[in-house]
Amino acid sequence: MGWAWLIMLLATYPWLLGADLASDVLARGGFVVFISGVCIVAPCRRLRPIQAIPFAACVGFLFEARRPIPDGVLAFTLVAISIFLTANKPLLRNAPGLLRGAIISNTLACTAWAAATALALSTTEAPSSNSTLTHFALQVALAALIGAALYIPISLVQNYAMDRIGVPPAADTP
């Protein structure tokens, strides 16, 4: 059970690949389909911290591989979120708490990604601040909507994988 995080990564990778392919389609508009924050919530509920943290780091590094972002920013953001979630498992006790955690995690991770990307990209012509802020707000809103829409299918696949490898179910009481 020590390698449960790696098996979870293999179960989550098709979702990350699908998000990357969808991001390639939306690249013309400058939008990214961001699901990294959603992917770490269900494992943080059931895995031990020593397993959830490497999982979150790998998810972050997989997303960074194809994006113009400073190395480690997203991975360390997801690690920080997973540390918080594994330390506060009672927040993830019920379905509304899990959905709320997925939306907040995805929004926080997307905000960190977008801010780091904006700082990393240096252009000769700076875009107007209104268009940048509008695009930033639309990207974060898209991440929140995607988090709400995809949490249930992603968590079903992840929970099925955790059940198959023998990860004990999460306690319903603190």
Protein backbone atom coordinates (compact mmCIF):
# COMPACT_ATOMS: atom_id res chain seq x y z
CA MET A 1 0.00 0.00 0.00
CA GLY A 2 3.05 2.28 0.13
CA TRP A 3 2.91 2.75 -3.63
CA ALA A 4 -0.77 3.64 -3.68
CA TRP A 5 0.07 7.17 -4.80
CA LEU A 6 1.76 5.82 -7.95
CA ILE A 7 -1.23 3.64 -8.80
CA MET A 8 -3.47 6.66 -8.21
CA LEU A 9 -1.27 8.65 -10.59
CA LEU A 10 -1.74 5.99 -13.25
CA ALA A 11 -5.52 6.09 -12.71
CA THR A 12 -5.54 9.89 -12.91
CA TYR A 13 -3.23 10.27 -15.89
CA PRO A 14 -5.92 9.74 -18.57
CA TRP A 15 -7.88 12.66 -17.08
CA LEU A 16 -4.77 14.86 -17.12
CA LEU A 17 -4.02 13.84 -20.70
CA GLY A 18 -7.60 14.62 -21.73
CA ALA A 19 -7.31 18.04 -20.08
CA ASP A 20 -4.08 18.69 -21.97
CA LEU A 21 -5.70 17.76 -25.26
CA ALA A 22 -8.69 19.99 -24.50
CA SER A 23 -6.25 22.77 -23.58
CA ASP A 24 -4.61 22.40 -26.97
CA VAL A 25 -8.01 22.91 -28.60
CA LEU A 26 -8.69 26.02 -26.48
CA ALA A 27 -5.16 27.40 -26.93
CA ARG A 28 -6.27 29.81 -29.63
CA GLY A 29 -8.40 31.63 -27.05
CA GLY A 30 -5.60 31.49 -24.48
CA PHE A 31 -7.49 29.23 -22.07
CA VAL A 32 -6.35 26.11 -20.28
CA VAL A 33 -8.52 23.25 -19.07
CA PHE A 34 -7.26 23.03 -15.51
CA ILE A 35 -8.10 19.94 -13.43
CA SER A 36 -4.98 19.45 -11.30
CA GLY A 37 -6.64 20.78 -8.16
CA VAL A 38 -9.64 18.50 -8.64
CA CYS A 39 -7.45 15.43 -9.05
CA ILE A 40 -5.89 15.67 -5.59
CA VAL A 41 -9.03 15.96 -3.43
CA ALA A 42 -10.32 12.36 -3.36
CA PRO A 43 -6.86 10.86 -2.75
CA CYS A 44 -6.24 13.37 0.06
CA ARG A 45 -9.37 12.09 1.76
CA ARG A 46 -8.27 8.45 1.77
CA LEU A 47 -4.49 8.32 1.44
CA ARG A 48 -2.06 8.98 4.25
CA PRO A 49 -0.12 12.26 4.04
CA ILE A 50 3.06 10.42 3.09
CA GLN A 51 1.20 9.08 0.03
CA ALA A 52 -0.93 12.11 -0.84
CA ILE A 53 2.00 14.53 -0.97
CA PRO A 54 4.04 12.68 -3.66
CA PHE A 55 0.83 12.19 -5.62
CA ALA A 56 0.09 15.93 -5.56
CA ALA A 57 3.69 16.76 -6.53
CA CYS A 58 3.59 14.38 -9.50
CA VAL A 59 0.25 15.77 -10.68
CA GLY A 60 1.74 19.27 -10.50
CA PHE A 61 4.88 18.32 -12.40
CA LEU A 62 2.87 16.48 -15.07
CA PHE A 63 0.81 19.60 -15.72
CA GLU A 64 3.89 21.85 -15.79
CA ALA A 65 5.59 19.71 -18.40
CA ARG A 66 3.63 21.26 -21.26
CA ARG A 67 2.96 24.76 -19.94
CA PRO A 68 5.05 27.93 -19.77
CA ILE A 69 5.31 28.11 -15.99
CA PRO A 70 8.28 28.42 -13.66
CA ASP A 71 9.44 25.01 -12.49
CA GLY A 72 7.82 23.76 -9.31
CA VAL A 73 5.25 26.51 -8.79
CA LEU A 74 2.19 24.38 -9.45
CA ALA A 75 3.67 21.27 -7.85
CA PHE A 76 4.49 23.08 -4.62
CA THR A 77 1.07 24.74 -4.62
CA LEU A 78 -0.62 21.35 -4.96
CA VAL A 79 1.65 19.93 -2.24
CA ALA A 80 0.63 22.76 0.09
CA ILE A 81 -3.05 22.15 -0.70
CA SER A 82 -2.65 18.41 -0.12
CA ILE A 83 -0.92 19.02 3.21
CA PHE A 84 -3.83 21.22 4.25
CA LEU A 85 -6.44 18.70 3.06
CA THR A 86 -4.80 15.69 4.69
CA ALA A 87 -4.40 17.61 7.95
CA ASN A 88 -8.07 18.66 7.87
CA LYS A 89 -9.83 15.50 6.71
CA PRO A 90 -13.05 16.37 8.61
CA LEU A 91 -13.58 19.15 6.03
CA LEU A 92 -13.86 16.42 3.40
CA ARG A 93 -16.26 14.26 5.40
CA ASN A 94 -19.36 14.59 3.19
CA ALA A 95 -20.19 15.10 -0.49
CA PRO A 96 -20.75 18.89 -0.32
CA GLY A 97 -17.45 19.27 1.54
CA LEU A 98 -15.64 17.24 -1.10
CA LEU A 99 -17.17 19.26 -3.93
CA ARG A 100 -16.35 22.52 -2.15
CA GLY A 101 -12.79 21.26 -1.58
CA ALA A 102 -12.43 20.34 -5.26
CA ILE A 103 -13.64 23.74 -6.45
CA ILE A 104 -11.48 25.67 -3.97
CA SER A 105 -8.41 23.51 -4.65
CA ASN A 106 -8.77 23.86 -8.40
CA THR A 107 -9.35 27.60 -8.15
CA LEU A 108 -6.36 28.16 -5.84
CA ALA A 109 -4.07 26.05 -7.98
CA CYS A 110 -5.27 27.79 -11.16
CA THR A 111 -4.74 31.19 -9.55
CA ALA A 112 -1.17 30.25 -8.60
CA TRP A 113 -0.55 28.87 -12.09
CA ALA A 114 -1.98 31.93 -13.84
CA ALA A 115 -0.08 34.37 -11.62
CA ALA A 116 3.21 32.52 -12.09
CA THR A 117 2.66 32.30 -15.83
CA ALA A 118 1.91 36.01 -16.07
CA LEU A 119 5.07 36.81 -14.14
CA ALA A 120 7.19 34.38 -16.17
CA LEU A 121 6.12 35.62 -19.58
CA SER A 122 8.01 38.71 -20.53
CA THR A 123 6.82 40.43 -23.65
CA THR A 124 7.99 43.57 -25.33
CA GLU A 125 4.46 44.88 -25.55
CA ALA A 126 2.61 44.68 -22.27
CA PRO A 127 -1.11 43.99 -22.74
CA SER A 128 -3.54 46.38 -21.18
CA SER A 129 -4.26 45.63 -17.55
CA ASN A 130 -8.02 45.42 -18.19
CA SER A 131 -7.66 42.66 -20.79
CA THR A 132 -5.18 40.79 -18.59
CA LEU A 133 -7.40 40.96 -15.53
CA THR A 134 -10.45 39.96 -17.55
CA HIS A 135 -8.63 36.98 -19.04
CA PHE A 136 -7.33 36.03 -15.57
CA ALA A 137 -10.85 36.19 -14.09
CA LEU A 138 -12.29 34.14 -16.96
CA GLN A 139 -9.55 31.52 -16.58
CA VAL A 140 -10.18 31.17 -12.84
CA ALA A 141 -13.96 31.02 -13.40
CA LEU A 142 -13.42 28.33 -16.05
CA ALA A 143 -11.29 26.37 -13.56
CA ALA A 144 -14.05 26.59 -10.95
CA LEU A 145 -16.69 25.41 -13.43
CA ILE A 146 -14.52 22.56 -14.67
CA GLY A 147 -13.78 21.60 -11.07
CA ALA A 148 -17.48 21.40 -10.28
CA ALA A 149 -18.33 19.50 -13.46
CA LEU A 150 -15.50 16.95 -13.45
CA TYR A 151 -15.11 16.21 -9.75
CA ILE A 152 -17.64 13.38 -9.66
CA PRO A 153 -16.32 11.38 -12.66
CA ILE A 154 -12.68 11.85 -11.62
CA SER A 155 -13.37 10.89 -8.01
CA LEU A 156 -15.35 7.81 -9.09
CA VAL A 157 -12.36 6.53 -11.06
CA GLN A 158 -9.95 7.37 -8.24
CA ASN A 159 -12.15 5.78 -5.56
CA TYR A 160 -12.55 2.65 -7.69
CA ALA A 161 -8.75 2.41 -8.05
CA MET A 162 -8.26 2.93 -4.30
CA ASP A 163 -10.86 0.25 -3.56
CA ARG A 164 -9.12 -2.20 -5.91
CA ILE A 165 -5.69 -1.69 -4.32
CA GLY A 166 -7.06 -1.99 -0.80
CA VAL A 167 -6.87 1.56 0.54
CA PRO A 168 -9.19 1.68 3.55
CA PRO A 169 -12.27 3.87 3.16
CA ALA A 170 -12.23 7.32 4.74
CA ALA A 171 -13.73 7.61 8.19
CA ASP A 172 -17.11 9.33 8.18
CA THR A 173 -16.54 10.76 11.65
CA PRO A 174 -13.55 12.83 12.75
